[in-house]
Amino acid sequence: MIQPFDSLMLRTLLGPIVAALQLFAVYVLLHGHYSPGGGFQAGILVAASLILPLLVRGRSEQRRTLSLRGAVSLTAVGVLIYTLIGIIPLLTGGAMLDYAALPLGGETADRRSLGILLIEVGVTIGVAGAMVSIFYALAGEIGQEIEG
């Protein structure tokens, strides 16, 4: 059961902290080509921004954030994106994860860059969903949601 951690300071700062976490997650995702960062780190930041309101406000916040079903679905969508970006080049005559073989317009370098970004987006979505699912498992919410 997720119990709220009632604090005026946390409730007041929750919105700006969540917004900053999500904005930084986008930065880490997009800047992962050029510096340390990328899909996994961005996914952890997104998950933290979804879990933090649950820790501060408790179970009542679950209706406004991501439910367990939503988290599992998000994980599946992330895996699907990764899989499709990997398999589409096979269907167009390339190798698995050969971003240059993606049927996108532009130069080879542009297709490779976009392919990597799409993979990172899939990883971000998958990791965020998986981390929220793990949080629910550790919080003991899985059995309650299955029963209810």
N, C-alpha and C. Protein backbone atom coordinates (compact mmCIF):
# COMPACT_ATOMS: atom_id res chain seq x y z
N MET A 1 0.84 -1.17 0.00
CA MET A 1 0.00 0.00 0.00
C MET A 1 0.89 1.24 0.00
N ILE A 2 0.57 2.18 -0.84
CA ILE A 2 1.34 3.41 -0.94
C ILE A 2 0.72 4.44 0.00
N GLN A 3 1.45 4.80 1.04
CA GLN A 3 0.99 5.79 2.01
C GLN A 3 1.59 7.14 1.65
N PRO A 4 0.81 8.22 1.80
CA PRO A 4 1.35 9.54 1.48
C PRO A 4 2.39 9.99 2.50
N PHE A 5 3.36 10.74 2.03
CA PHE A 5 4.34 11.37 2.90
C PHE A 5 3.93 12.83 2.96
N ASP A 6 3.15 13.17 3.96
CA ASP A 6 2.51 14.47 4.01
C ASP A 6 3.48 15.54 4.48
N SER A 7 3.82 16.44 3.58
CA SER A 7 4.70 17.54 3.91
C SER A 7 4.31 18.73 3.03
N LEU A 8 4.10 19.87 3.65
CA LEU A 8 3.72 21.07 2.91
C LEU A 8 4.80 21.45 1.90
N MET A 9 6.05 21.33 2.29
CA MET A 9 7.14 21.69 1.39
C MET A 9 7.17 20.76 0.17
N LEU A 10 7.01 19.47 0.40
CA LEU A 10 7.02 18.53 -0.73
C LEU A 10 5.82 18.75 -1.65
N ARG A 11 4.64 18.96 -1.06
CA ARG A 11 3.45 19.19 -1.90
C ARG A 11 3.60 20.47 -2.72
N THR A 12 4.22 21.49 -2.13
CA THR A 12 4.40 22.76 -2.82
C THR A 12 5.41 22.65 -3.95
N LEU A 13 6.49 21.94 -3.72
CA LEU A 13 7.56 21.85 -4.71
C LEU A 13 7.40 20.69 -5.69
N LEU A 14 6.38 19.86 -5.48
CA LEU A 14 6.22 18.68 -6.32
C LEU A 14 6.07 19.03 -7.80
N GLY A 15 5.21 19.97 -8.12
CA GLY A 15 4.99 20.34 -9.52
C GLY A 15 6.26 20.81 -10.23
N PRO A 16 6.97 21.78 -9.66
CA PRO A 16 8.21 22.22 -10.31
C PRO A 16 9.28 21.13 -10.39
N ILE A 17 9.35 20.27 -9.39
CA ILE A 17 10.35 19.19 -9.42
C ILE A 17 10.02 18.19 -10.52
N VAL A 18 8.75 17.82 -10.63
CA VAL A 18 8.33 16.87 -11.68
C VAL A 18 8.57 17.48 -13.06
N ALA A 19 8.21 18.75 -13.23
CA ALA A 19 8.44 19.41 -14.52
C ALA A 19 9.93 19.47 -14.86
N ALA A 20 10.76 19.78 -13.87
CA ALA A 20 12.20 19.83 -14.11
C ALA A 20 12.75 18.45 -14.45
N LEU A 21 12.29 17.42 -13.77
CA LEU A 21 12.72 16.05 -14.08
C LEU A 21 12.36 15.67 -15.51
N GLN A 22 11.14 15.98 -15.92
CA GLN A 22 10.71 15.63 -17.27
C GLN A 22 11.45 16.42 -18.33
N LEU A 23 11.68 17.69 -18.08
CA LEU A 23 12.44 18.51 -19.02
C LEU A 23 13.88 18.01 -19.13
N PHE A 24 14.48 17.67 -18.01
CA PHE A 24 15.84 17.14 -18.03
C PHE A 24 15.89 15.79 -18.73
N ALA A 25 14.83 14.98 -18.59
CA ALA A 25 14.76 13.69 -19.28
C ALA A 25 14.78 13.89 -20.79
N VAL A 26 14.03 14.88 -21.28
CA VAL A 26 14.04 15.17 -22.72
C VAL A 26 15.43 15.62 -23.15
N TYR A 27 16.07 16.47 -22.36
CA TYR A 27 17.43 16.91 -22.68
C TYR A 27 18.39 15.73 -22.73
N VAL A 28 18.34 14.86 -21.74
CA VAL A 28 19.24 13.70 -21.70
C VAL A 28 18.99 12.79 -22.90
N LEU A 29 17.73 12.59 -23.25
CA LEU A 29 17.39 11.76 -24.40
C LEU A 29 17.95 12.36 -25.69
N LEU A 30 17.68 13.62 -25.92
CA LEU A 30 18.09 14.25 -27.17
C LEU A 30 19.59 14.52 -27.24
N HIS A 31 20.22 14.71 -26.11
CA HIS A 31 21.65 15.02 -26.09
C HIS A 31 22.50 13.76 -25.97
N GLY A 32 21.86 12.60 -25.90
CA GLY A 32 22.59 11.35 -25.74
C GLY A 32 23.49 11.01 -26.91
N HIS A 33 23.26 11.62 -28.08
CA HIS A 33 24.15 11.40 -29.23
C HIS A 33 25.53 11.98 -28.98
N TYR A 34 25.58 13.07 -28.24
CA TYR A 34 26.80 13.87 -28.16
C TYR A 34 27.51 13.79 -26.82
N SER A 35 26.86 13.31 -25.81
CA SER A 35 27.45 13.26 -24.47
C SER A 35 26.87 12.06 -23.73
N PRO A 36 27.36 11.77 -22.54
CA PRO A 36 26.77 10.66 -21.79
C PRO A 36 25.28 10.90 -21.56
N GLY A 37 24.54 9.87 -21.73
CA GLY A 37 23.09 9.96 -21.59
C GLY A 37 22.44 9.12 -22.67
N GLY A 38 21.18 9.24 -22.79
CA GLY A 38 20.45 8.49 -23.80
C GLY A 38 19.18 7.92 -23.23
N GLY A 39 18.73 6.84 -23.85
CA GLY A 39 17.43 6.27 -23.55
C GLY A 39 17.27 5.74 -22.14
N PHE A 40 18.25 5.00 -21.65
CA PHE A 40 18.11 4.41 -20.32
C PHE A 40 18.05 5.49 -19.25
N GLN A 41 18.97 6.43 -19.31
CA GLN A 41 19.00 7.48 -18.30
C GLN A 41 17.74 8.34 -18.37
N ALA A 42 17.28 8.65 -19.58
CA ALA A 42 16.05 9.43 -19.72
C ALA A 42 14.85 8.66 -19.19
N GLY A 43 14.83 7.35 -19.41
CA GLY A 43 13.73 6.52 -18.90
C GLY A 43 13.68 6.51 -17.38
N ILE A 44 14.85 6.46 -16.76
CA ILE A 44 14.90 6.51 -15.29
C ILE A 44 14.38 7.85 -14.78
N LEU A 45 14.74 8.94 -15.45
CA LEU A 45 14.25 10.26 -15.04
C LEU A 45 12.74 10.38 -15.22
N VAL A 46 12.21 9.86 -16.33
CA VAL A 46 10.76 9.87 -16.54
C VAL A 46 10.07 9.05 -15.45
N ALA A 47 10.62 7.87 -15.15
CA ALA A 47 10.03 7.04 -14.10
C ALA A 47 10.05 7.76 -12.75
N ALA A 48 11.15 8.43 -12.45
CA ALA A 48 11.23 9.17 -11.19
C ALA A 48 10.16 10.26 -11.14
N SER A 49 9.90 10.91 -12.28
CA SER A 49 8.88 11.96 -12.30
C SER A 49 7.47 11.38 -12.15
N LEU A 50 7.29 10.11 -12.47
CA LEU A 50 5.98 9.47 -12.29
C LEU A 50 5.83 8.86 -10.90
N ILE A 51 6.92 8.43 -10.31
CA ILE A 51 6.88 7.80 -8.99
C ILE A 51 6.83 8.84 -7.87
N LEU A 52 7.51 9.95 -8.04
CA LEU A 52 7.59 10.97 -6.99
C LEU A 52 6.21 11.44 -6.51
N PRO A 53 5.26 11.74 -7.40
CA PRO A 53 3.93 12.13 -6.90
C PRO A 53 3.24 11.03 -6.10
N LEU A 54 3.49 9.78 -6.44
CA LEU A 54 2.91 8.68 -5.67
C LEU A 54 3.50 8.63 -4.27
N LEU A 55 4.78 8.91 -4.14
CA LEU A 55 5.41 8.91 -2.83
C LEU A 55 4.93 10.08 -1.97
N VAL A 56 4.72 11.23 -2.60
CA VAL A 56 4.33 12.42 -1.85
C VAL A 56 2.85 12.40 -1.50
N ARG A 57 2.00 12.05 -2.46
CA ARG A 57 0.55 12.16 -2.26
C ARG A 57 -0.14 10.84 -1.95
N GLY A 58 0.53 9.73 -2.17
CA GLY A 58 -0.06 8.44 -1.85
C GLY A 58 -0.90 7.87 -2.98
N ARG A 59 -1.68 6.89 -2.63
CA ARG A 59 -2.43 6.11 -3.62
C ARG A 59 -3.46 6.96 -4.38
N SER A 60 -3.97 8.01 -3.77
CA SER A 60 -4.95 8.86 -4.46
C SER A 60 -4.36 9.46 -5.74
N GLU A 61 -3.05 9.61 -5.78
CA GLU A 61 -2.37 10.17 -6.95
C GLU A 61 -2.32 9.17 -8.10
N GLN A 62 -2.55 7.89 -7.80
CA GLN A 62 -2.43 6.85 -8.82
C GLN A 62 -3.39 7.08 -9.98
N ARG A 63 -4.53 7.67 -9.71
CA ARG A 63 -5.50 7.92 -10.78
C ARG A 63 -5.00 8.98 -11.75
N ARG A 64 -4.16 9.89 -11.28
CA ARG A 64 -3.67 10.96 -12.15
C ARG A 64 -2.34 10.64 -12.78
N THR A 65 -1.64 9.65 -12.28
CA THR A 65 -0.37 9.27 -12.90
C THR A 65 -0.56 7.94 -13.62
N LEU A 66 0.45 7.17 -13.67
CA LEU A 66 0.45 5.93 -14.44
C LEU A 66 0.06 4.75 -13.56
N SER A 67 -0.97 4.01 -13.95
CA SER A 67 -1.37 2.82 -13.21
C SER A 67 -0.43 1.67 -13.55
N LEU A 68 -0.57 0.57 -12.85
CA LEU A 68 0.25 -0.61 -13.14
C LEU A 68 0.00 -1.10 -14.56
N ARG A 69 -1.27 -1.17 -14.95
CA ARG A 69 -1.58 -1.60 -16.33
C ARG A 69 -0.95 -0.65 -17.35
N GLY A 70 -1.04 0.63 -17.07
CA GLY A 70 -0.43 1.61 -17.96
C GLY A 70 1.07 1.46 -18.04
N ALA A 71 1.70 1.18 -16.90
CA ALA A 71 3.15 1.00 -16.88
C ALA A 71 3.58 -0.23 -17.68
N VAL A 72 2.84 -1.31 -17.53
CA VAL A 72 3.16 -2.53 -18.29
C VAL A 72 2.93 -2.28 -19.78
N SER A 73 1.86 -1.57 -20.11
CA SER A 73 1.59 -1.24 -21.52
C SER A 73 2.69 -0.35 -22.08
N LEU A 74 3.14 0.60 -21.28
CA LEU A 74 4.22 1.49 -21.72
C LEU A 74 5.49 0.70 -21.99
N THR A 75 5.80 -0.26 -21.15
CA THR A 75 6.96 -1.12 -21.36
C THR A 75 6.82 -1.87 -22.68
N ALA A 76 5.64 -2.39 -22.94
CA ALA A 76 5.41 -3.14 -24.18
C ALA A 76 5.55 -2.23 -25.40
N VAL A 77 5.07 -1.00 -25.31
CA VAL A 77 5.21 -0.06 -26.43
C VAL A 77 6.68 0.25 -26.69
N GLY A 78 7.46 0.43 -25.64
CA GLY A 78 8.89 0.68 -25.81
C GLY A 78 9.59 -0.48 -26.48
N VAL A 79 9.27 -1.69 -26.06
CA VAL A 79 9.87 -2.89 -26.68
C VAL A 79 9.42 -3.00 -28.13
N LEU A 80 8.16 -2.68 -28.41
CA LEU A 80 7.64 -2.74 -29.78
C LEU A 80 8.37 -1.75 -30.69
N ILE A 81 8.58 -0.52 -30.21
CA ILE A 81 9.31 0.47 -31.00
C ILE A 81 10.71 -0.03 -31.31
N TYR A 82 11.40 -0.52 -30.30
CA TYR A 82 12.76 -1.03 -30.50
C TYR A 82 12.76 -2.17 -31.51
N THR A 83 11.82 -3.10 -31.36
CA THR A 83 11.75 -4.26 -32.24
C THR A 83 11.46 -3.85 -33.68
N LEU A 84 10.50 -2.94 -33.86
CA LEU A 84 10.16 -2.51 -35.22
C LEU A 84 11.32 -1.80 -35.90
N ILE A 85 12.00 -0.93 -35.16
CA ILE A 85 13.15 -0.23 -35.74
C ILE A 85 14.25 -1.22 -36.08
N GLY A 86 14.34 -2.31 -35.34
CA GLY A 86 15.33 -3.34 -35.64
C GLY A 86 14.95 -4.22 -36.81
N ILE A 87 13.65 -4.53 -36.95
CA ILE A 87 13.21 -5.47 -37.97
C ILE A 87 12.95 -4.81 -39.32
N ILE A 88 12.50 -3.57 -39.33
CA ILE A 88 12.20 -2.90 -40.60
C ILE A 88 13.39 -2.94 -41.56
N PRO A 89 14.63 -2.70 -41.12
CA PRO A 89 15.75 -2.81 -42.06
C PRO A 89 15.90 -4.22 -42.66
N LEU A 90 15.55 -5.25 -41.90
CA LEU A 90 15.60 -6.61 -42.44
C LEU A 90 14.64 -6.76 -43.61
N LEU A 91 13.48 -6.14 -43.51
CA LEU A 91 12.47 -6.23 -44.56
C LEU A 91 12.83 -5.41 -45.79
N THR A 92 13.71 -4.45 -45.63
CA THR A 92 14.13 -3.62 -46.77
C THR A 92 15.48 -4.03 -47.32
N GLY A 93 15.98 -5.20 -46.92
CA GLY A 93 17.22 -5.71 -47.48
C GLY A 93 18.47 -5.39 -46.68
N GLY A 94 18.33 -4.78 -45.54
CA GLY A 94 19.48 -4.47 -44.70
C GLY A 94 19.66 -5.50 -43.60
N ALA A 95 20.53 -5.18 -42.68
CA ALA A 95 20.78 -6.05 -41.54
C ALA A 95 19.95 -5.55 -40.35
N MET A 96 19.85 -6.40 -39.34
CA MET A 96 19.13 -6.02 -38.12
C MET A 96 19.75 -4.75 -37.54
N LEU A 97 18.91 -3.78 -37.22
CA LEU A 97 19.32 -2.49 -36.66
C LEU A 97 20.25 -1.70 -37.58
N ASP A 98 20.16 -1.93 -38.89
CA ASP A 98 20.92 -1.14 -39.87
C ASP A 98 20.10 0.10 -40.19
N TYR A 99 20.37 1.16 -39.47
CA TYR A 99 19.55 2.36 -39.59
C TYR A 99 19.62 2.97 -40.98
N ALA A 100 20.69 2.75 -41.71
CA ALA A 100 20.81 3.29 -43.06
C ALA A 100 19.78 2.65 -43.99
N ALA A 101 19.30 1.46 -43.67
CA ALA A 101 18.31 0.76 -44.50
C ALA A 101 16.87 1.11 -44.13
N LEU A 102 16.68 2.00 -43.17
CA LEU A 102 15.32 2.41 -42.83
C LEU A 102 14.71 3.17 -44.01
N PRO A 103 13.45 2.91 -44.33
CA PRO A 103 12.83 3.58 -45.47
C PRO A 103 12.40 5.01 -45.14
N LEU A 104 13.38 5.84 -44.89
CA LEU A 104 13.14 7.25 -44.57
C LEU A 104 13.87 8.09 -45.62
N GLY A 105 13.39 9.28 -45.84
CA GLY A 105 14.06 10.17 -46.79
C GLY A 105 15.35 10.72 -46.21
N GLY A 106 16.12 11.33 -47.07
CA GLY A 106 17.34 11.98 -46.61
C GLY A 106 18.59 11.16 -46.86
N GLU A 107 19.69 11.73 -46.44
CA GLU A 107 20.99 11.08 -46.60
C GLU A 107 21.14 9.91 -45.63
N THR A 108 22.14 9.08 -45.90
CA THR A 108 22.41 7.92 -45.04
C THR A 108 22.69 8.35 -43.60
N ALA A 109 23.49 9.39 -43.45
CA ALA A 109 23.82 9.86 -42.09
C ALA A 109 22.57 10.33 -41.35
N ASP A 110 21.66 10.99 -42.06
CA ASP A 110 20.42 11.45 -41.43
C ASP A 110 19.55 10.27 -41.01
N ARG A 111 19.47 9.24 -41.86
CA ARG A 111 18.68 8.05 -41.51
C ARG A 111 19.28 7.34 -40.30
N ARG A 112 20.60 7.26 -40.25
CA ARG A 112 21.25 6.62 -39.10
C ARG A 112 20.97 7.41 -37.82
N SER A 113 21.08 8.72 -37.90
CA SER A 113 20.85 9.55 -36.73
C SER A 113 19.40 9.43 -36.25
N LEU A 114 18.46 9.46 -37.18
CA LEU A 114 17.05 9.33 -36.81
C LEU A 114 16.76 7.93 -36.26
N GLY A 115 17.36 6.91 -36.85
CA GLY A 115 17.17 5.54 -36.36
C GLY A 115 17.66 5.38 -34.93
N ILE A 116 18.82 5.95 -34.64
CA ILE A 116 19.35 5.89 -33.27
C ILE A 116 18.41 6.62 -32.31
N LEU A 117 17.93 7.79 -32.73
CA LEU A 117 17.01 8.55 -31.87
C LEU A 117 15.73 7.76 -31.61
N LEU A 118 15.19 7.11 -32.64
CA LEU A 118 13.97 6.31 -32.46
C LEU A 118 14.21 5.14 -31.51
N ILE A 119 15.37 4.50 -31.63
CA ILE A 119 15.72 3.42 -30.70
C ILE A 119 15.79 3.96 -29.27
N GLU A 120 16.42 5.12 -29.11
CA GLU A 120 16.53 5.72 -27.78
C GLU A 120 15.16 6.08 -27.21
N VAL A 121 14.25 6.55 -28.06
CA VAL A 121 12.88 6.84 -27.60
C VAL A 121 12.21 5.56 -27.13
N GLY A 122 12.37 4.48 -27.88
CA GLY A 122 11.81 3.19 -27.46
C GLY A 122 12.38 2.72 -26.14
N VAL A 123 13.69 2.88 -25.98
CA VAL A 123 14.33 2.49 -24.72
C VAL A 123 13.81 3.36 -23.57
N THR A 124 13.68 4.66 -23.81
CA THR A 124 13.17 5.56 -22.77
C THR A 124 11.78 5.13 -22.31
N ILE A 125 10.90 4.88 -23.26
CA ILE A 125 9.53 4.48 -22.94
C ILE A 125 9.52 3.14 -22.20
N GLY A 126 10.30 2.19 -22.70
CA GLY A 126 10.34 0.86 -22.07
C GLY A 126 10.91 0.89 -20.66
N VAL A 127 11.99 1.63 -20.47
CA VAL A 127 12.62 1.71 -19.14
C VAL A 127 11.70 2.43 -18.16
N ALA A 128 11.05 3.50 -18.60
CA ALA A 128 10.14 4.22 -17.70
C ALA A 128 9.01 3.31 -17.25
N GLY A 129 8.42 2.59 -18.19
CA GLY A 129 7.34 1.67 -17.83
C GLY A 129 7.81 0.56 -16.91
N ALA A 130 8.98 0.01 -17.19
CA ALA A 130 9.51 -1.07 -16.36
C ALA A 130 9.81 -0.59 -14.94
N MET A 131 10.38 0.59 -14.81
CA MET A 131 10.72 1.10 -13.48
C MET A 131 9.46 1.40 -12.66
N VAL A 132 8.43 1.95 -13.30
CA VAL A 132 7.18 2.20 -12.57
C VAL A 132 6.55 0.86 -12.17
N SER A 133 6.62 -0.14 -13.05
CA SER A 133 6.10 -1.48 -12.71
C SER A 133 6.84 -2.07 -11.53
N ILE A 134 8.16 -1.92 -11.51
CA ILE A 134 8.96 -2.42 -10.39
C ILE A 134 8.58 -1.69 -9.10
N PHE A 135 8.35 -0.38 -9.20
CA PHE A 135 7.93 0.37 -8.02
C PHE A 135 6.62 -0.18 -7.47
N TYR A 136 5.65 -0.41 -8.35
CA TYR A 136 4.38 -0.96 -7.89
C TYR A 136 4.57 -2.34 -7.26
N ALA A 137 5.46 -3.15 -7.83
CA ALA A 137 5.72 -4.48 -7.26
C ALA A 137 6.31 -4.35 -5.86
N LEU A 138 7.27 -3.46 -5.69
CA LEU A 138 7.89 -3.27 -4.38
C LEU A 138 6.94 -2.63 -3.38
N ALA A 139 6.00 -1.83 -3.87
CA ALA A 139 5.03 -1.19 -2.98
C ALA A 139 3.87 -2.11 -2.63
N GLY A 140 3.85 -3.29 -3.22
CA GLY A 140 2.79 -4.25 -2.91
C GLY A 140 1.48 -3.96 -3.61
N GLU A 141 1.52 -3.22 -4.71
CA GLU A 141 0.30 -2.84 -5.40
C GLU A 141 -0.17 -3.87 -6.41
N ILE A 142 0.69 -4.78 -6.81
CA ILE A 142 0.33 -5.70 -7.89
C ILE A 142 -0.81 -6.61 -7.49
N GLY A 143 -0.72 -7.26 -6.35
CA GLY A 143 -1.78 -8.15 -5.91
C GLY A 143 -3.10 -7.42 -5.71
N GLN A 144 -3.05 -6.20 -5.20
CA GLN A 144 -4.27 -5.43 -4.97
C GLN A 144 -4.95 -5.06 -6.27
N GLU A 145 -4.16 -4.71 -7.29
CA GLU A 145 -4.77 -4.33 -8.56
C GLU A 145 -5.35 -5.54 -9.27
N ILE A 146 -4.71 -6.69 -9.14
CA ILE A 146 -5.23 -7.90 -9.76
C ILE A 146 -6.55 -8.31 -9.10
N GLU A 147 -6.61 -8.17 -7.78
CA GLU A 147 -7.83 -8.53 -7.06
C GLU A 147 -8.95 -7.53 -7.31
N GLY A 148 -8.59 -6.23 -7.43
CA GLY A 148 -9.59 -5.18 -7.54
C GLY A 148 -9.87 -4.79 -8.89
